[in-house]
Amino acid sequence: MSALTLTNSTSYIAQYVIHRGGLALARLPGLAPGATLSVPEAETFEITARAPYWKATPIPPHR
């Protein structure tokens, strides 16, 4: 049997809602940092949560 594999490689709890068309395949509670979960499915998928990258912009002092 194939599976949908969810991996959380962030330092935070990741929440997944998996849809195919209008059908919700999986609505899962938070997945702990570093955890992996497999959901049985007719096809094989692998999804990895990664922390977003952003560049911090300094806020100028108020005058």
N, C-alpha and C. Protein backbone atom coordinates (compact mmCIF):
# COMPACT_ATOMS: atom_id res chain seq x y z
N MET A 1 0.85 -1.18 0.00
CA MET A 1 0.00 0.00 0.00
C MET A 1 0.89 1.24 0.00
N SER A 2 0.49 2.24 -0.72
CA SER A 2 1.22 3.50 -0.77
C SER A 2 0.80 4.40 0.38
N ALA A 3 1.52 5.49 0.54
CA ALA A 3 1.23 6.38 1.66
C ALA A 3 1.60 7.82 1.33
N LEU A 4 0.99 8.70 2.07
CA LEU A 4 1.31 10.12 2.06
C LEU A 4 2.20 10.31 3.28
N THR A 5 3.46 10.68 3.08
CA THR A 5 4.40 10.83 4.19
C THR A 5 4.59 12.29 4.51
N LEU A 6 4.31 12.67 5.75
CA LEU A 6 4.44 14.05 6.21
C LEU A 6 5.62 14.13 7.16
N THR A 7 6.53 15.06 6.91
CA THR A 7 7.71 15.25 7.76
C THR A 7 7.78 16.69 8.19
N ASN A 8 8.04 16.92 9.47
CA ASN A 8 8.19 18.27 9.99
C ASN A 8 9.66 18.49 10.32
N SER A 9 10.36 19.28 9.49
CA SER A 9 11.77 19.55 9.74
C SER A 9 11.98 20.94 10.34
N THR A 10 10.92 21.52 10.91
CA THR A 10 11.02 22.84 11.53
C THR A 10 11.22 22.69 13.04
N SER A 11 11.38 23.81 13.71
CA SER A 11 11.48 23.82 15.18
C SER A 11 10.12 24.05 15.83
N TYR A 12 9.08 24.06 15.01
CA TYR A 12 7.73 24.39 15.47
C TYR A 12 6.77 23.26 15.16
N ILE A 13 5.63 23.25 15.79
CA ILE A 13 4.58 22.28 15.47
C ILE A 13 4.01 22.65 14.10
N ALA A 14 3.90 21.67 13.21
CA ALA A 14 3.36 21.90 11.87
C ALA A 14 1.98 21.27 11.78
N GLN A 15 1.03 21.99 11.21
CA GLN A 15 -0.32 21.47 11.04
C GLN A 15 -0.57 21.26 9.56
N TYR A 16 -1.13 20.11 9.21
CA TYR A 16 -1.37 19.76 7.82
C TYR A 16 -2.85 19.58 7.57
N VAL A 17 -3.31 20.09 6.44
CA VAL A 17 -4.63 19.78 5.90
C VAL A 17 -4.37 19.43 4.44
N ILE A 18 -4.63 18.18 4.07
CA ILE A 18 -4.31 17.69 2.74
C ILE A 18 -5.61 17.56 1.94
N HIS A 19 -5.66 18.20 0.78
CA HIS A 19 -6.84 18.15 -0.08
C HIS A 19 -6.48 17.56 -1.44
N ARG A 20 -7.42 16.87 -2.02
CA ARG A 20 -7.35 16.47 -3.43
C ARG A 20 -8.67 16.90 -4.02
N GLY A 21 -8.62 17.93 -4.86
CA GLY A 21 -9.86 18.50 -5.37
C GLY A 21 -10.63 19.08 -4.20
N GLY A 22 -11.92 18.78 -4.10
CA GLY A 22 -12.73 19.27 -3.00
C GLY A 22 -12.76 18.33 -1.81
N LEU A 23 -12.03 17.22 -1.90
CA LEU A 23 -12.05 16.21 -0.85
C LEU A 23 -10.87 16.39 0.10
N ALA A 24 -11.14 16.46 1.39
CA ALA A 24 -10.07 16.53 2.39
C ALA A 24 -9.57 15.11 2.65
N LEU A 25 -8.33 14.83 2.26
CA LEU A 25 -7.75 13.51 2.49
C LEU A 25 -7.30 13.34 3.93
N ALA A 26 -6.78 14.40 4.50
CA ALA A 26 -6.28 14.32 5.88
C ALA A 26 -6.36 15.69 6.53
N ARG A 27 -6.83 15.73 7.74
CA ARG A 27 -6.85 16.95 8.56
C ARG A 27 -6.25 16.52 9.89
N LEU A 28 -4.99 16.89 10.08
CA LEU A 28 -4.24 16.35 11.19
C LEU A 28 -3.95 17.39 12.25
N PRO A 29 -3.90 16.97 13.51
CA PRO A 29 -3.46 17.90 14.55
C PRO A 29 -1.98 18.17 14.36
N GLY A 30 -1.42 19.05 15.15
CA GLY A 30 -0.02 19.45 14.99
C GLY A 30 0.95 18.27 15.03
N LEU A 31 1.93 18.31 14.14
CA LEU A 31 2.97 17.30 14.09
C LEU A 31 4.22 17.89 14.75
N ALA A 32 4.75 17.20 15.73
CA ALA A 32 5.88 17.71 16.52
C ALA A 32 7.11 17.94 15.66
N PRO A 33 7.99 18.86 16.08
CA PRO A 33 9.23 19.09 15.35
C PRO A 33 10.03 17.79 15.22
N GLY A 34 10.52 17.53 14.01
CA GLY A 34 11.31 16.34 13.75
C GLY A 34 10.51 15.07 13.54
N ALA A 35 9.19 15.14 13.63
CA ALA A 35 8.35 13.94 13.51
C ALA A 35 7.97 13.65 12.06
N THR A 36 7.65 12.39 11.80
CA THR A 36 7.17 11.95 10.49
C THR A 36 5.92 11.12 10.71
N LEU A 37 4.94 11.29 9.81
CA LEU A 37 3.68 10.56 9.91
C LEU A 37 3.31 10.07 8.52
N SER A 38 2.84 8.83 8.42
CA SER A 38 2.38 8.28 7.14
C SER A 38 0.88 8.07 7.19
N VAL A 39 0.20 8.52 6.13
CA VAL A 39 -1.25 8.36 6.00
C VAL A 39 -1.48 7.45 4.80
N PRO A 40 -2.17 6.30 4.96
CA PRO A 40 -2.41 5.41 3.83
C PRO A 40 -3.12 6.14 2.68
N GLU A 41 -2.70 5.86 1.45
CA GLU A 41 -3.24 6.53 0.27
C GLU A 41 -3.00 5.63 -0.93
N ALA A 42 -3.79 5.81 -1.98
CA ALA A 42 -3.66 4.99 -3.19
C ALA A 42 -2.37 5.30 -3.95
N GLU A 43 -1.84 6.51 -3.82
CA GLU A 43 -0.61 6.90 -4.49
C GLU A 43 0.43 7.26 -3.43
N THR A 44 1.67 7.42 -3.84
CA THR A 44 2.74 7.78 -2.90
C THR A 44 3.06 9.26 -3.01
N PHE A 45 3.08 9.95 -1.87
CA PHE A 45 3.42 11.36 -1.79
C PHE A 45 4.37 11.55 -0.63
N GLU A 46 5.21 12.58 -0.70
CA GLU A 46 6.05 12.95 0.44
C GLU A 46 6.02 14.46 0.57
N ILE A 47 5.67 14.95 1.77
CA ILE A 47 5.54 16.38 2.02
C ILE A 47 6.40 16.72 3.22
N THR A 48 7.22 17.76 3.09
CA THR A 48 8.10 18.17 4.18
C THR A 48 7.82 19.62 4.54
N ALA A 49 7.59 19.88 5.83
CA ALA A 49 7.41 21.26 6.31
C ALA A 49 8.79 21.82 6.60
N ARG A 50 9.06 23.01 6.06
CA ARG A 50 10.32 23.69 6.32
C ARG A 50 10.00 25.08 6.82
N ALA A 51 10.82 25.58 7.71
CA ALA A 51 10.62 26.94 8.23
C ALA A 51 10.80 27.94 7.10
N PRO A 52 9.94 28.95 7.04
CA PRO A 52 10.10 29.97 5.99
C PRO A 52 11.38 30.77 6.21
N TYR A 53 11.95 31.24 5.13
CA TYR A 53 13.14 32.08 5.22
C TYR A 53 12.73 33.51 4.92
N TRP A 54 13.09 34.40 5.77
CA TRP A 54 12.83 35.81 5.49
C TRP A 54 13.99 36.62 6.01
N LYS A 55 14.20 37.76 5.39
CA LYS A 55 15.28 38.65 5.80
C LYS A 55 14.67 39.70 6.71
N ALA A 56 15.21 39.81 7.90
CA ALA A 56 14.69 40.80 8.85
C ALA A 56 15.05 42.20 8.37
N THR A 57 14.08 43.08 8.40
CA THR A 57 14.29 44.47 8.02
C THR A 57 14.26 45.31 9.29
N PRO A 58 15.35 46.05 9.56
CA PRO A 58 15.35 46.88 10.77
C PRO A 58 14.26 47.94 10.72
N ILE A 59 13.64 48.17 11.84
CA ILE A 59 12.61 49.21 11.94
C ILE A 59 13.29 50.49 12.40
N PRO A 60 13.15 51.58 11.62
CA PRO A 60 13.81 52.83 12.02
C PRO A 60 13.21 53.37 13.31
N PRO A 61 14.02 54.08 14.12
CA PRO A 61 13.51 54.63 15.37
C PRO A 61 12.43 55.68 15.12
N HIS A 62 11.48 55.75 16.04
CA HIS A 62 10.40 56.73 15.93
C HIS A 62 10.93 58.11 16.26
N ARG A 63 10.56 59.09 15.47
CA ARG A 63 11.04 60.47 15.73
C ARG A 63 9.93 61.34 16.18
